[in-house]
Amino acid sequence: MTEKIRCAWCEKDDLYRNYHDNEWGKPVYDDAKLFEFLILETFQAGVSWHMVLKKRENFRKAFLNFDYKTIALFGDYEVQELMKDSGIIRNKLKIKATISNAKAFIEVQKEFGSFSKYIWNFVDGKPIDNKPKTLQDIPASTPLSQKISNDLKKRGFKFIGPTVAYAHMQATGMVNDHVEDCWIRKKNI
């Protein structure tokens, strides 16, 4: 049995490999899943994605399965309770941003019919394939992620700079950044 060649960033452990093999870069059109990734990406700002993945189930529990309609109703009490939860990243600004982002997410849905229609419109509804040869060919942000970040901020989203926006694009398959030798890229050729 031959071992799968993956993007080198995911070879830290099975958690990372599983995420890479089953989620990263696969197009996501479901609003609930898009919101989950948006929240996880905002909490990742300044920390490692690996840490966020390790705490993902705790985030899911703390944020009621990423139910944005309920999160939008959170107030000071819920913020204080979340600050006591050692299973998540306890950053008050990011917790408050999650509430603001839930409200903004709902407003985008009202305007566009779904968040998916809104966000995928930036790439004309289909993934951009960057065809990177190595990890060094993958940018941290792009002019398009800057444009998306600016538009999200204009709509009231917080903690979504161009790097977070690009990470969201990668996670939800808006861009395909699997490197040339990765088994997933080869499978999809």
C-alpha atoms as a PDB file:
ATOM      1  CA  MET A   1       0.000   0.000   0.000  1.00  0.00           C
ATOM      2  CA  THR A   2       1.448   3.340  -1.005  1.00  0.00           C
ATOM      3  CA  GLU A   3       1.212   6.290   1.294  1.00  0.00           C
ATOM      4  CA  LYS A   4      -0.769   9.310   0.113  1.00  0.00           C
ATOM      5  CA  ILE A   5       1.217  12.438  -0.674  1.00  0.00           C
ATOM      6  CA  ARG A   6      -0.489  15.448   0.820  1.00  0.00           C
ATOM      7  CA  CYS A   7       0.080  19.163   1.101  1.00  0.00           C
ATOM      8  CA  ALA A   8       2.966  19.360   3.587  1.00  0.00           C
ATOM      9  CA  TRP A   9       1.156  21.702   6.007  1.00  0.00           C
ATOM     10  CA  CYS A  10      -1.213  18.934   7.100  1.00  0.00           C
ATOM     11  CA  GLU A  11       1.315  16.267   8.069  1.00  0.00           C
ATOM     12  CA  LYS A  12       1.426  17.287  11.747  1.00  0.00           C
ATOM     13  CA  ASP A  13      -1.074  14.656  12.905  1.00  0.00           C
ATOM     14  CA  ASP A  14      -4.213  12.694  12.021  1.00  0.00           C
ATOM     15  CA  LEU A  15      -6.500  15.605  12.931  1.00  0.00           C
ATOM     16  CA  TYR A  16      -4.816  17.778  10.300  1.00  0.00           C
ATOM     17  CA  ARG A  17      -4.634  14.974   7.723  1.00  0.00           C
ATOM     18  CA  ASN A  18      -8.328  14.192   8.162  1.00  0.00           C
ATOM     19  CA  TYR A  19      -9.246  17.865   7.794  1.00  0.00           C
ATOM     20  CA  HIS A  20      -7.080  18.149   4.658  1.00  0.00           C
ATOM     21  CA  ASP A  21      -8.409  14.947   3.095  1.00  0.00           C
ATOM     22  CA  ASN A  22     -12.093  15.461   3.848  1.00  0.00           C
ATOM     23  CA  GLU A  23     -12.780  19.195   4.067  1.00  0.00           C
ATOM     24  CA  TRP A  24     -10.088  21.661   3.044  1.00  0.00           C
ATOM     25  CA  GLY A  25     -10.630  22.989  -0.435  1.00  0.00           C
ATOM     26  CA  LYS A  26     -13.926  21.206  -1.064  1.00  0.00           C
ATOM     27  CA  PRO A  27     -16.602  23.641  -2.246  1.00  0.00           C
ATOM     28  CA  VAL A  28     -19.104  24.518   0.483  1.00  0.00           C
ATOM     29  CA  TYR A  29     -22.428  26.063  -0.550  1.00  0.00           C
ATOM     30  CA  ASP A  30     -24.408  25.432   2.638  1.00  0.00           C
ATOM     31  CA  ASP A  31     -24.950  28.608   4.653  1.00  0.00           C
ATOM     32  CA  ALA A  32     -24.692  26.880   8.035  1.00  0.00           C
ATOM     33  CA  LYS A  33     -21.330  25.343   7.117  1.00  0.00           C
ATOM     34  CA  LEU A  34     -20.097  28.616   5.623  1.00  0.00           C
ATOM     35  CA  PHE A  35     -20.961  30.363   8.899  1.00  0.00           C
ATOM     36  CA  GLU A  36     -19.132  27.692  10.904  1.00  0.00           C
ATOM     37  CA  PHE A  37     -15.975  28.192   8.859  1.00  0.00           C
ATOM     38  CA  LEU A  38     -16.314  31.960   9.076  1.00  0.00           C
ATOM     39  CA  ILE A  39     -16.435  31.796  12.865  1.00  0.00           C
ATOM     40  CA  LEU A  40     -13.604  29.305  13.149  1.00  0.00           C
ATOM     41  CA  GLU A  41     -11.460  31.410  10.829  1.00  0.00           C
ATOM     42  CA  THR A  42     -12.076  34.555  12.888  1.00  0.00           C
ATOM     43  CA  PHE A  43     -10.987  32.737  16.047  1.00  0.00           C
ATOM     44  CA  GLN A  44      -7.894  31.524  14.204  1.00  0.00           C
ATOM     45  CA  ALA A  45      -6.600  35.069  13.713  1.00  0.00           C
ATOM     46  CA  GLY A  46      -3.371  35.228  15.719  1.00  0.00           C
ATOM     47  CA  VAL A  47      -3.310  31.537  16.669  1.00  0.00           C
ATOM     48  CA  SER A  48      -2.734  28.313  14.765  1.00  0.00           C
ATOM     49  CA  TRP A  49      -5.423  26.626  12.714  1.00  0.00           C
ATOM     50  CA  HIS A  50      -4.409  23.393  14.418  1.00  0.00           C
ATOM     51  CA  MET A  51      -5.439  24.846  17.797  1.00  0.00           C
ATOM     52  CA  VAL A  52      -8.810  25.871  16.378  1.00  0.00           C
ATOM     53  CA  LEU A  53      -9.370  22.411  14.887  1.00  0.00           C
ATOM     54  CA  LYS A  54      -8.514  20.781  18.231  1.00  0.00           C
ATOM     55  CA  LYS A  55     -11.173  22.970  19.872  1.00  0.00           C
ATOM     56  CA  ARG A  56     -13.703  22.696  17.051  1.00  0.00           C
ATOM     57  CA  GLU A  57     -16.135  20.454  18.930  1.00  0.00           C
ATOM     58  CA  ASN A  58     -15.925  22.751  21.955  1.00  0.00           C
ATOM     59  CA  PHE A  59     -16.721  25.715  19.697  1.00  0.00           C
ATOM     60  CA  ARG A  60     -19.622  23.761  18.209  1.00  0.00           C
ATOM     61  CA  LYS A  61     -21.041  23.141  21.690  1.00  0.00           C
ATOM     62  CA  ALA A  62     -20.369  26.666  22.991  1.00  0.00           C
ATOM     63  CA  PHE A  63     -21.920  28.311  19.945  1.00  0.00           C
ATOM     64  CA  LEU A  64     -24.943  25.996  19.785  1.00  0.00           C
ATOM     65  CA  ASN A  65     -23.862  24.110  16.671  1.00  0.00           C
ATOM     66  CA  PHE A  66     -23.022  27.461  15.026  1.00  0.00           C
ATOM     67  CA  ASP A  67     -26.689  28.463  14.958  1.00  0.00           C
ATOM     68  CA  TYR A  68     -26.253  32.017  13.671  1.00  0.00           C
ATOM     69  CA  LYS A  69     -29.894  32.950  14.296  1.00  0.00           C
ATOM     70  CA  THR A  70     -29.511  32.182  18.005  1.00  0.00           C
ATOM     71  CA  ILE A  71     -25.995  33.614  18.241  1.00  0.00           C
ATOM     72  CA  ALA A  72     -27.303  36.903  16.818  1.00  0.00           C
ATOM     73  CA  LEU A  73     -29.465  37.163  19.960  1.00  0.00           C
ATOM     74  CA  PHE A  74     -26.577  36.690  22.398  1.00  0.00           C
ATOM     75  CA  GLY A  75     -26.001  39.492  24.881  1.00  0.00           C
ATOM     76  CA  ASP A  76     -23.670  40.315  27.750  1.00  0.00           C
ATOM     77  CA  TYR A  77     -24.712  37.255  29.765  1.00  0.00           C
ATOM     78  CA  GLU A  78     -23.743  34.850  26.972  1.00  0.00           C
ATOM     79  CA  VAL A  79     -20.473  36.715  26.392  1.00  0.00           C
ATOM     80  CA  GLN A  80     -19.589  36.333  30.082  1.00  0.00           C
ATOM     81  CA  GLU A  81     -20.506  32.636  30.042  1.00  0.00           C
ATOM     82  CA  LEU A  82     -18.400  32.041  26.940  1.00  0.00           C
ATOM     83  CA  MET A  83     -15.473  33.822  28.607  1.00  0.00           C
ATOM     84  CA  LYS A  84     -15.619  31.131  31.323  1.00  0.00           C
ATOM     85  CA  ASP A  85     -15.455  28.281  28.784  1.00  0.00           C
ATOM     86  CA  SER A  86     -11.890  26.927  28.797  1.00  0.00           C
ATOM     87  CA  GLY A  87     -12.725  24.686  25.839  1.00  0.00           C
ATOM     88  CA  ILE A  88     -12.715  27.602  23.397  1.00  0.00           C
ATOM     89  CA  ILE A  89     -10.385  30.497  22.699  1.00  0.00           C
ATOM     90  CA  ARG A  90     -11.522  33.008  25.298  1.00  0.00           C
ATOM     91  CA  ASN A  91     -11.066  36.295  23.531  1.00  0.00           C
ATOM     92  CA  LYS A  92     -13.816  38.758  24.365  1.00  0.00           C
ATOM     93  CA  LEU A  93     -13.385  40.755  21.153  1.00  0.00           C
ATOM     94  CA  LYS A  94     -13.654  37.602  19.027  1.00  0.00           C
ATOM     95  CA  ILE A  95     -16.677  36.391  20.985  1.00  0.00           C
ATOM     96  CA  LYS A  96     -18.388  39.749  20.475  1.00  0.00           C
ATOM     97  CA  ALA A  97     -17.327  39.671  16.813  1.00  0.00           C
ATOM     98  CA  THR A  98     -19.039  36.287  16.468  1.00  0.00           C
ATOM     99  CA  ILE A  99     -22.300  37.871  17.617  1.00  0.00           C
ATOM    100  CA  SER A 100     -21.848  40.846  15.260  1.00  0.00           C
ATOM    101  CA  ASN A 101     -20.937  38.491  12.429  1.00  0.00           C
ATOM    102  CA  ALA A 102     -24.070  36.409  13.023  1.00  0.00           C
ATOM    103  CA  LYS A 103     -26.177  39.566  12.704  1.00  0.00           C
ATOM    104  CA  ALA A 104     -24.315  40.669   9.580  1.00  0.00           C
ATOM    105  CA  PHE A 105     -24.609  37.149   8.132  1.00  0.00           C
ATOM    106  CA  ILE A 106     -28.396  37.295   8.480  1.00  0.00           C
ATOM    107  CA  GLU A 107     -28.482  40.699   6.791  1.00  0.00           C
ATOM    108  CA  VAL A 108     -26.467  39.334   3.856  1.00  0.00           C
ATOM    109  CA  GLN A 109     -28.930  36.434   3.593  1.00  0.00           C
ATOM    110  CA  LYS A 110     -31.822  38.885   3.474  1.00  0.00           C
ATOM    111  CA  GLU A 111     -30.169  40.911   0.727  1.00  0.00           C
ATOM    112  CA  PHE A 112     -28.882  38.054  -1.463  1.00  0.00           C
ATOM    113  CA  GLY A 113     -31.185  35.160  -0.588  1.00  0.00           C
ATOM    114  CA  SER A 114     -28.289  33.251   0.963  1.00  0.00           C
ATOM    115  CA  PHE A 115     -24.785  33.925   2.186  1.00  0.00           C
ATOM    116  CA  SER A 116     -23.614  31.305  -0.294  1.00  0.00           C
ATOM    117  CA  LYS A 117     -24.922  33.309  -3.270  1.00  0.00           C
ATOM    118  CA  TYR A 118     -23.228  36.410  -1.917  1.00  0.00           C
ATOM    119  CA  ILE A 119     -19.793  34.907  -1.209  1.00  0.00           C
ATOM    120  CA  TRP A 120     -19.592  32.641  -4.269  1.00  0.00           C
ATOM    121  CA  ASN A 121     -20.455  35.591  -6.510  1.00  0.00           C
ATOM    122  CA  PHE A 122     -16.902  36.854  -5.879  1.00  0.00           C
ATOM    123  CA  VAL A 123     -15.576  33.851  -7.856  1.00  0.00           C
ATOM    124  CA  ASP A 124     -18.440  33.624 -10.368  1.00  0.00           C
ATOM    125  CA  GLY A 125     -19.820  30.569  -8.579  1.00  0.00           C
ATOM    126  CA  LYS A 126     -16.878  28.259  -9.224  1.00  0.00           C
ATOM    127  CA  PRO A 127     -13.540  27.609  -7.508  1.00  0.00           C
ATOM    128  CA  ILE A 128     -10.377  29.339  -8.642  1.00  0.00           C
ATOM    129  CA  ASP A 129      -7.651  26.769  -9.232  1.00  0.00           C
ATOM    130  CA  ASN A 130      -4.307  28.354  -8.426  1.00  0.00           C
ATOM    131  CA  LYS A 131      -2.322  25.199  -9.307  1.00  0.00           C
ATOM    132  CA  PRO A 132       0.468  25.834  -6.792  1.00  0.00           C
ATOM    133  CA  LYS A 133       3.547  23.683  -7.237  1.00  0.00           C
ATOM    134  CA  THR A 134       4.721  24.054  -3.617  1.00  0.00           C
ATOM    135  CA  LEU A 135       3.507  25.593  -0.360  1.00  0.00           C
ATOM    136  CA  GLN A 136       5.691  28.615  -1.100  1.00  0.00           C
ATOM    137  CA  ASP A 137       3.460  29.339  -4.107  1.00  0.00           C
ATOM    138  CA  ILE A 138       0.387  29.766  -1.894  1.00  0.00           C
ATOM    139  CA  PRO A 139      -0.226  33.360  -0.799  1.00  0.00           C
ATOM    140  CA  ALA A 140      -1.494  34.414   2.619  1.00  0.00           C
ATOM    141  CA  SER A 141      -3.866  36.847   0.929  1.00  0.00           C
ATOM    142  CA  THR A 142      -4.710  38.092  -2.549  1.00  0.00           C
ATOM    143  CA  PRO A 143      -6.279  41.195  -4.092  1.00  0.00           C
ATOM    144  CA  LEU A 144      -9.549  39.218  -4.229  1.00  0.00           C
ATOM    145  CA  SER A 145      -9.398  38.318  -0.526  1.00  0.00           C
ATOM    146  CA  GLN A 146      -8.749  42.021   0.165  1.00  0.00           C
ATOM    147  CA  LYS A 147     -11.843  42.901  -1.875  1.00  0.00           C
ATOM    148  CA  ILE A 148     -13.947  40.307  -0.005  1.00  0.00           C
ATOM    149  CA  SER A 149     -12.590  41.485   3.348  1.00  0.00           C
ATOM    150  CA  ASN A 150     -13.413  45.101   2.529  1.00  0.00           C
ATOM    151  CA  ASP A 151     -16.941  44.201   1.466  1.00  0.00           C
ATOM    152  CA  LEU A 152     -17.552  42.058   4.553  1.00  0.00           C
ATOM    153  CA  LYS A 153     -16.269  44.846   6.825  1.00  0.00           C
ATOM    154  CA  LYS A 154     -18.529  47.335   5.045  1.00  0.00           C
ATOM    155  CA  ARG A 155     -21.417  45.010   5.893  1.00  0.00           C
ATOM    156  CA  GLY A 156     -20.495  44.936   9.595  1.00  0.00           C
ATOM    157  CA  PHE A 157     -18.313  41.820   9.827  1.00  0.00           C
ATOM    158  CA  LYS A 158     -15.402  41.927  12.256  1.00  0.00           C
ATOM    159  CA  PHE A 159     -12.044  40.102  12.507  1.00  0.00           C
ATOM    160  CA  ILE A 160     -12.113  39.369   8.792  1.00  0.00           C
ATOM    161  CA  GLY A 161      -9.020  40.851   7.236  1.00  0.00           C
ATOM    162  CA  PRO A 162      -7.635  39.733   3.871  1.00  0.00           C
ATOM    163  CA  THR A 163      -5.683  36.813   5.402  1.00  0.00           C
ATOM    164  CA  VAL A 164      -8.733  35.489   7.250  1.00  0.00           C
ATOM    165  CA  ALA A 165     -10.827  35.989   4.111  1.00  0.00           C
ATOM    166  CA  TYR A 166      -8.288  34.019   2.070  1.00  0.00           C
ATOM    167  CA  ALA A 167      -8.170  31.222   4.653  1.00  0.00           C
ATOM    168  CA  HIS A 168     -11.972  31.098   4.448  1.00  0.00           C
ATOM    169  CA  MET A 169     -11.781  30.905   0.665  1.00  0.00           C
ATOM    170  CA  GLN A 170      -9.341  27.988   0.947  1.00  0.00           C
ATOM    171  CA  ALA A 171     -11.326  26.146   3.618  1.00  0.00           C
ATOM    172  CA  THR A 172     -14.604  26.417   1.712  1.00  0.00           C
ATOM    173  CA  GLY A 173     -13.187  25.561  -1.691  1.00  0.00           C
ATOM    174  CA  MET A 174     -13.533  28.972  -3.293  1.00  0.00           C
ATOM    175  CA  VAL A 175      -9.879  28.468  -4.199  1.00  0.00           C
ATOM    176  CA  ASN A 176      -8.064  25.208  -4.772  1.00  0.00           C
ATOM    177  CA  ASP A 177      -4.602  25.466  -3.238  1.00  0.00           C
ATOM    178  CA  HIS A 178      -3.735  21.771  -3.090  1.00  0.00           C
ATOM    179  CA  VAL A 179      -0.141  21.523  -4.291  1.00  0.00           C
ATOM    180  CA  GLU A 180       0.870  19.748  -7.470  1.00  0.00           C
ATOM    181  CA  ASP A 181       1.879  16.438  -5.828  1.00  0.00           C
ATOM    182  CA  CYS A 182      -1.094  16.234  -3.454  1.00  0.00           C
ATOM    183  CA  TRP A 183      -3.229  13.121  -3.944  1.00  0.00           C
ATOM    184  CA  ILE A 184      -6.404  15.221  -3.851  1.00  0.00           C
ATOM    185  CA  ARG A 185      -5.248  17.380  -6.762  1.00  0.00           C
ATOM    186  CA  LYS A 186      -4.228  14.266  -8.690  1.00  0.00           C
ATOM    187  CA  LYS A 187      -7.583  12.612  -7.899  1.00  0.00           C
ATOM    188  CA  ASN A 188      -9.468  15.602  -9.289  1.00  0.00           C
ATOM    189  CA  ILE A 189      -7.475  15.982 -12.522  1.00  0.00           C
END
